[in-house]
Amino acid sequence: MSFLEVAGIAKRVGTGFMLEPISISIEAGEKWAIAGATGSGKSTLLKIIGGLEQPDAGAVLLEGTRVKGPAEKLIPGHERIAYLSQHFELRHHYRVVEILERVNKLEVSEAHRIYDVCRIGHLLARKEHELSGGEKQRVAAARLLVQKPALLLLDEPFSNLDRGHKALMQSVIHDIGTELGITCLLVTHEPPDALSWADHMVLLQEGRIAQQGSPQHLYRQPASEYVAGLLGAYNLLTAEQVAAFSDSTVFRLGRHDIGIRPEGLRLAPASEAGARGMVEQLYFYGSHYEADVRVGGDRLRVRVPGESTAPGQEVTVLIDAAHVWYV
């Protein structure tokens, strides 16, 4: 029996399904992310797992015991499951240490370890109204953790955060899993935010699992254009377009199109054999550059090393077969 079993969970809306039967198994200590477009059912699924919303079919089992929904309990929720909502609230006009001590179930040293993990040790003497939005979120997370949950659920933890606070919250969530050993499951509408953190990802599309697996597998071998687009930029090439590449014989084309990320394409001098093209635009992303390259009537996005190319330059586009997936 896995630590958490989601067995055939479904949720109806009118005559249809918001969630079609969904089943996943999570082991203790793992870090999972549920992602998908707005309206795909991810937040509803998270609430059902936390016992905050009633499913119409299926069951959630935490260490073999069924998690009851609000139709079966006077007070919704589960004592061993902590749920960090997008719309959390802290007690007004209280100091942070007072907010935390009201619910703390840990020894002082254990509690301060959590404060360190949540990066709030320096905030303990401040009052709630003196905190920024990102600081309040980390205090809210610590408030849940000092109650000794076995499972932490986070609903869109990176939304409404600026880049600095997002990076800090990503580090906090990473350390909650690795340093505290707490099983974590988060929901996000921006899957790239979870790529570096999650052990396993579930991508939802209109209430169904579109694909699940390791972040690396989903990014490199997406099962559909929907999945590919959720995880980043990609190029889609038909069999006829691939025939322009000098090494196209290595591909299993048939009736298949192929997908490839910008980093799977490479620019070479126009004198080399391959697909001839012209650089139209160069984009700087801080850590790397990407270029739009016109090949025939098509535009390809290619990752390039530094400012090694310029608009108007004629080039040959080469394709790395190891980065290809078939559509």
Protein backbone atom coordinates (compact mmCIF):
# COMPACT_ATOMS: atom_id res chain seq x y z
CA MET A 1 0.00 0.00 0.00
CA SER A 2 1.38 3.38 -1.03
CA PHE A 3 1.50 6.34 1.35
CA LEU A 4 -1.24 8.10 -0.63
CA GLU A 5 -3.66 6.36 -2.99
CA VAL A 6 -6.03 8.31 -5.20
CA ALA A 7 -8.34 5.62 -6.57
CA GLY A 8 -10.77 6.46 -9.35
CA ILE A 9 -11.60 9.95 -8.09
CA ALA A 10 -14.27 11.66 -10.20
CA LYS A 11 -16.27 14.86 -9.90
CA ARG A 12 -19.41 15.65 -11.88
CA VAL A 13 -20.73 19.00 -13.04
CA GLY A 14 -24.27 18.79 -14.39
CA THR A 15 -24.38 15.87 -16.80
CA GLY A 16 -20.63 15.82 -17.44
CA PHE A 17 -17.39 15.40 -15.54
CA MET A 18 -15.14 18.09 -14.08
CA LEU A 19 -12.79 15.24 -13.22
CA GLU A 20 -12.95 11.91 -14.96
CA PRO A 21 -11.80 8.91 -12.89
CA ILE A 22 -8.23 9.65 -11.81
CA SER A 23 -5.86 7.27 -10.03
CA ILE A 24 -2.35 8.00 -8.75
CA SER A 25 -0.10 6.48 -6.06
CA ILE A 26 2.40 8.53 -4.08
CA GLU A 27 5.11 7.13 -1.82
CA ALA A 28 6.16 8.75 1.46
CA GLY A 29 8.66 11.58 1.02
CA GLU A 30 8.01 12.11 -2.67
CA LYS A 31 7.45 15.50 -4.29
CA TRP A 32 4.61 15.59 -6.83
CA ALA A 33 3.18 18.35 -8.99
CA ILE A 34 -0.24 18.48 -10.65
CA ALA A 35 -0.29 20.94 -13.54
CA GLY A 36 -2.51 21.94 -16.41
CA ALA A 37 -4.29 24.79 -18.10
CA THR A 38 -6.84 26.89 -16.24
CA GLY A 39 -10.02 24.87 -15.75
CA SER A 40 -8.33 21.48 -16.13
CA GLY A 41 -9.50 20.36 -12.66
CA LYS A 42 -6.19 20.45 -10.80
CA SER A 43 -7.31 22.57 -7.81
CA THR A 44 -10.51 20.53 -7.47
CA LEU A 45 -8.44 17.35 -7.35
CA LEU A 46 -6.16 18.83 -4.70
CA LYS A 47 -9.12 19.79 -2.51
CA ILE A 48 -10.60 16.30 -2.82
CA ILE A 49 -7.26 14.79 -1.76
CA GLY A 50 -7.25 17.11 1.27
CA GLY A 51 -10.80 16.17 2.29
CA LEU A 52 -12.06 19.66 1.50
CA GLU A 53 -14.32 18.73 -1.40
CA GLN A 54 -16.55 15.70 -1.85
CA PRO A 55 -15.86 13.40 -4.82
CA ASP A 56 -18.72 11.82 -6.71
CA ALA A 57 -16.81 8.56 -7.14
CA GLY A 58 -13.60 6.93 -5.95
CA ALA A 59 -11.63 7.22 -2.73
CA VAL A 60 -8.51 8.84 -1.28
CA LEU A 61 -6.48 6.65 1.10
CA LEU A 62 -3.78 8.09 3.37
CA GLU A 63 -1.66 5.26 4.78
CA GLY A 64 -4.54 2.87 4.12
CA THR A 65 -7.25 4.97 5.80
CA ARG A 66 -9.90 6.65 3.69
CA VAL A 67 -9.92 10.45 3.72
CA LYS A 68 -13.50 11.59 4.35
CA GLY A 69 -15.02 14.48 2.43
CA PRO A 70 -17.00 17.41 3.86
CA ALA A 71 -20.31 15.57 3.36
CA GLU A 72 -19.10 13.05 5.95
CA LYS A 73 -17.46 15.37 8.51
CA LEU A 74 -18.63 18.37 10.49
CA ILE A 75 -15.28 20.12 10.01
CA PRO A 76 -13.76 19.48 6.54
CA GLY A 77 -10.15 18.39 6.26
CA HIS A 78 -7.84 15.77 7.68
CA GLU A 79 -5.65 16.21 10.75
CA ARG A 80 -2.58 14.77 9.03
CA ILE A 81 -3.01 16.71 5.79
CA ALA A 82 -2.03 20.39 5.63
CA TYR A 83 -3.51 22.52 2.86
CA LEU A 84 -1.97 25.87 1.89
CA SER A 85 -4.62 27.76 -0.06
CA GLN A 86 -3.99 30.63 -2.43
CA HIS A 87 -6.25 32.63 -0.13
CA PHE A 88 -4.65 31.97 3.26
CA GLU A 89 -5.10 34.45 6.10
CA LEU A 90 -2.98 35.28 9.14
CA ARG A 91 -4.27 36.75 12.40
CA HIS A 92 -4.26 40.52 12.11
CA HIS A 93 -2.09 42.61 14.45
CA TYR A 94 -0.36 39.53 15.94
CA ARG A 95 3.38 39.02 15.93
CA VAL A 96 4.61 36.13 13.79
CA VAL A 97 5.85 34.20 16.83
CA GLU A 98 2.40 34.48 18.42
CA ILE A 99 0.71 33.23 15.27
CA LEU A 100 2.96 30.19 15.24
CA GLU A 101 2.90 29.40 18.97
CA ARG A 102 -0.90 29.20 19.01
CA VAL A 103 -0.82 26.03 16.89
CA ASN A 104 2.69 24.64 17.52
CA LYS A 105 2.89 20.93 18.42
CA LEU A 106 6.68 20.66 18.31
CA GLU A 107 9.58 21.07 20.69
CA VAL A 108 11.29 24.46 20.49
CA SER A 109 14.30 23.13 18.55
CA GLU A 110 12.07 21.36 16.03
CA ALA A 111 9.94 24.45 15.56
CA HIS A 112 12.99 26.62 14.93
CA ARG A 113 14.23 24.14 12.36
CA ILE A 114 10.98 24.71 10.47
CA TYR A 115 11.38 28.47 10.83
CA ASP A 116 14.83 28.14 9.25
CA VAL A 117 13.54 25.99 6.40
CA CYS A 118 10.77 28.54 5.74
CA ARG A 119 13.27 31.44 5.95
CA ILE A 120 11.24 33.28 8.60
CA GLY A 121 13.58 33.26 11.61
CA HIS A 122 14.25 36.98 11.16
CA LEU A 123 10.51 37.72 10.97
CA LEU A 124 9.38 36.29 14.32
CA ALA A 125 9.16 39.63 16.12
CA ARG A 126 7.29 41.40 13.31
CA LYS A 127 3.55 41.90 13.19
CA GLU A 128 1.39 40.51 10.42
CA HIS A 129 0.80 43.87 8.75
CA GLU A 130 4.56 44.49 8.53
CA LEU A 131 5.10 41.49 6.24
CA SER A 132 5.21 41.39 2.46
CA GLY A 133 3.00 38.99 0.53
CA GLY A 134 5.83 36.49 0.05
CA GLU A 135 6.78 36.68 3.73
CA LYS A 136 3.17 36.08 4.76
CA GLN A 137 3.03 33.00 2.55
CA ARG A 138 6.14 31.51 4.17
CA VAL A 139 4.72 32.20 7.64
CA ALA A 140 1.47 30.51 6.58
CA ALA A 141 3.48 27.47 5.43
CA ALA A 142 5.37 27.35 8.74
CA ARG A 143 2.06 27.60 10.64
CA LEU A 144 0.94 24.41 8.90
CA LEU A 145 4.24 22.59 9.37
CA VAL A 146 4.45 23.11 13.16
CA GLN A 147 1.22 21.10 13.40
CA LYS A 148 3.14 17.97 12.26
CA PRO A 149 1.36 17.07 9.02
CA ALA A 150 2.26 13.92 7.10
CA LEU A 151 1.25 15.46 3.76
CA LEU A 152 1.51 19.07 2.59
CA LEU A 153 -0.76 20.26 -0.23
CA LEU A 154 0.00 23.59 -1.91
CA ASP A 155 -2.47 25.27 -4.25
CA GLU A 156 -0.71 27.56 -6.76
CA PRO A 157 2.10 28.52 -4.32
CA PHE A 158 3.96 30.60 -6.92
CA SER A 159 1.08 32.71 -8.22
CA ASN A 160 1.14 36.44 -7.44
CA LEU A 161 4.81 36.32 -6.43
CA ASP A 162 7.52 38.44 -8.01
CA ARG A 163 10.59 36.66 -9.39
CA GLY A 164 12.61 37.00 -6.16
CA HIS A 165 9.89 35.72 -3.84
CA LYS A 166 9.01 32.94 -6.30
CA ALA A 167 12.62 31.70 -6.31
CA LEU A 168 12.69 31.84 -2.50
CA MET A 169 9.39 29.95 -2.20
CA GLN A 170 10.67 27.31 -4.63
CA SER A 171 13.71 26.81 -2.38
CA VAL A 172 11.49 26.59 0.70
CA ILE A 173 9.23 23.94 -0.85
CA HIS A 174 12.28 21.99 -2.02
CA ASP A 175 13.72 21.98 1.52
CA ILE A 176 10.39 21.00 3.10
CA GLY A 177 10.59 17.80 1.11
CA THR A 178 14.31 17.08 1.32
CA GLU A 179 15.21 18.36 4.82
CA LEU A 180 11.96 17.71 6.69
CA GLY A 181 10.99 14.58 4.77
CA ILE A 182 7.38 15.72 4.37
CA THR A 183 5.50 14.40 1.37
CA CYS A 184 4.50 17.34 -0.83
CA LEU A 185 1.93 17.75 -3.60
CA LEU A 186 1.50 21.08 -5.33
CA VAL A 187 -0.74 22.44 -8.05
CA THR A 188 0.43 24.98 -10.63
CA HIS A 189 -0.79 26.39 -13.93
CA GLU A 190 2.87 27.06 -14.82
CA PRO A 191 4.45 23.58 -15.13
CA PRO A 192 7.99 24.95 -15.76
CA ASP A 193 7.92 26.21 -12.14
CA ALA A 194 7.85 22.58 -10.96
CA LEU A 195 10.33 21.01 -13.39
CA SER A 196 13.37 21.41 -11.12
CA TRP A 197 11.49 20.41 -7.96
CA ALA A 198 9.13 17.52 -8.64
CA ASP A 199 9.96 13.82 -8.61
CA HIS A 200 6.80 13.16 -10.60
CA MET A 201 4.34 15.32 -12.52
CA VAL A 202 0.71 14.78 -13.52
CA LEU A 203 -0.56 16.94 -16.37
CA LEU A 204 -4.33 17.37 -16.59
CA GLN A 205 -6.38 18.31 -19.63
CA GLU A 206 -10.12 18.91 -19.27
CA GLY A 207 -10.35 16.73 -16.17
CA ARG A 208 -8.30 13.83 -17.55
CA ILE A 209 -4.67 12.81 -17.13
CA ALA A 210 -2.96 13.84 -20.37
CA GLN A 211 0.38 12.38 -19.28
CA GLN A 212 2.30 11.64 -16.11
CA GLY A 213 5.89 10.73 -15.32
CA SER A 214 9.19 12.29 -14.39
CA PRO A 215 9.71 15.94 -15.36
CA GLN A 216 12.54 14.89 -17.65
CA HIS A 217 10.39 12.38 -19.53
CA LEU A 218 7.45 14.76 -19.94
CA TYR A 219 9.70 17.53 -21.23
CA ARG A 220 11.66 15.31 -23.62
CA GLN A 221 8.90 12.94 -24.77
CA PRO A 222 5.53 14.72 -24.47
CA ALA A 223 2.56 12.63 -25.53
CA SER A 224 0.77 15.49 -27.30
CA GLU A 225 1.12 19.07 -28.45
CA TYR A 226 -0.86 20.12 -25.37
CA VAL A 227 1.73 18.57 -23.05
CA ALA A 228 4.63 19.91 -25.11
CA GLY A 229 3.26 23.45 -24.99
CA LEU A 230 2.67 23.35 -21.23
CA LEU A 231 6.33 22.66 -20.59
CA GLY A 232 7.97 25.13 -22.96
CA ALA A 233 8.65 26.21 -26.51
CA TYR A 234 8.84 23.59 -29.24
CA ASN A 235 8.93 23.21 -33.02
CA LEU A 236 6.60 20.92 -34.98
CA LEU A 237 7.89 19.58 -38.29
CA THR A 238 6.08 17.47 -40.87
CA ALA A 239 7.72 14.52 -42.59
CA GLU A 240 8.16 16.64 -45.70
CA GLN A 241 9.92 19.38 -43.72
CA VAL A 242 12.23 16.91 -42.00
CA ALA A 243 13.30 15.59 -45.43
CA ALA A 244 15.19 18.88 -45.92
CA PHE A 245 17.68 17.89 -43.21
CA SER A 246 20.71 15.96 -44.38
CA ASP A 247 20.41 13.39 -41.59
CA SER A 248 16.65 12.83 -41.96
CA THR A 249 17.16 9.10 -42.65
CA VAL A 250 17.62 8.48 -38.91
CA PHE A 251 13.97 9.37 -38.18
CA ARG A 252 11.01 6.99 -38.08
CA LEU A 253 8.79 9.28 -40.07
CA GLY A 254 6.05 7.43 -41.95
CA ARG A 255 2.92 9.49 -41.34
CA HIS A 256 4.34 11.03 -38.16
CA ASP A 257 5.28 14.63 -37.55
CA ILE A 258 8.15 15.29 -35.17
CA GLY A 259 8.49 17.70 -32.29
CA ILE A 260 11.75 19.19 -31.07
CA ARG A 261 12.69 21.82 -28.48
CA PRO A 262 14.80 24.86 -29.47
CA GLU A 263 17.87 23.29 -27.85
CA GLY A 264 17.52 20.25 -30.15
CA LEU A 265 18.33 22.38 -33.20
CA ARG A 266 21.75 23.81 -34.03
CA LEU A 267 22.94 26.48 -36.45
CA ALA A 268 25.91 25.83 -38.69
CA PRO A 269 27.55 27.82 -41.51
CA ALA A 270 25.44 28.05 -44.65
CA SER A 271 28.11 26.09 -46.50
CA GLU A 272 27.29 22.90 -44.58
CA ALA A 273 24.76 20.35 -45.85
CA GLY A 274 21.30 20.51 -44.32
CA ALA A 275 18.26 22.74 -44.22
CA ARG A 276 19.14 26.25 -45.44
CA GLY A 277 17.59 29.17 -43.60
CA MET A 278 17.92 32.82 -42.63
CA VAL A 279 17.98 34.28 -39.12
CA GLU A 280 15.05 36.66 -38.69
CA GLN A 281 15.27 37.67 -35.05
CA LEU A 282 17.52 37.15 -32.03
CA TYR A 283 16.12 37.06 -28.45
CA PHE A 284 18.07 37.50 -25.21
CA TYR A 285 16.73 35.59 -22.17
CA GLY A 286 19.46 36.37 -19.67
CA SER A 287 20.89 32.87 -19.40
CA HIS A 288 20.76 32.16 -23.15
CA TYR A 289 19.79 33.41 -26.61
CA GLU A 290 17.20 32.04 -29.02
CA ALA A 291 16.73 32.83 -32.68
CA ASP A 292 13.83 32.67 -35.12
CA VAL A 293 15.09 31.09 -38.32
CA ARG A 294 13.11 31.07 -41.56
CA VAL A 295 13.46 27.72 -43.36
CA GLY A 296 11.41 27.77 -46.56
CA GLY A 297 7.97 28.93 -45.55
CA ASP A 298 8.41 27.92 -41.91
CA ARG A 299 9.84 29.62 -38.85
CA LEU A 300 11.88 27.57 -36.36
CA ARG A 301 12.94 28.58 -32.86
CA VAL A 302 16.58 27.63 -32.16
CA ARG A 303 18.68 28.06 -29.02
CA VAL A 304 22.03 29.62 -29.94
CA PRO A 305 25.31 30.13 -28.02
CA GLY A 306 25.69 33.79 -27.15
CA GLU A 307 25.59 36.44 -29.84
CA SER A 308 27.01 34.02 -32.39
CA THR A 309 24.47 34.97 -35.02
CA ALA A 310 22.57 38.04 -36.22
CA PRO A 311 19.37 38.84 -38.13
CA GLY A 312 19.83 38.46 -41.87
CA GLN A 313 22.55 35.82 -41.58
CA GLU A 314 22.23 32.75 -43.81
CA VAL A 315 22.71 29.50 -41.91
CA THR A 316 22.18 25.75 -42.06
CA VAL A 317 19.86 24.25 -39.45
CA LEU A 318 20.90 20.87 -38.07
CA ILE A 319 18.67 18.61 -36.01
CA ASP A 320 19.75 16.36 -33.11
CA ALA A 321 17.82 13.08 -33.38
CA ALA A 322 18.25 12.46 -29.63
CA HIS A 323 15.93 15.42 -28.90
CA VAL A 324 13.12 14.37 -31.22
CA TRP A 325 9.69 13.01 -30.30
CA TYR A 326 6.98 11.76 -32.64
CA VAL A 327 3.48 13.23 -32.84
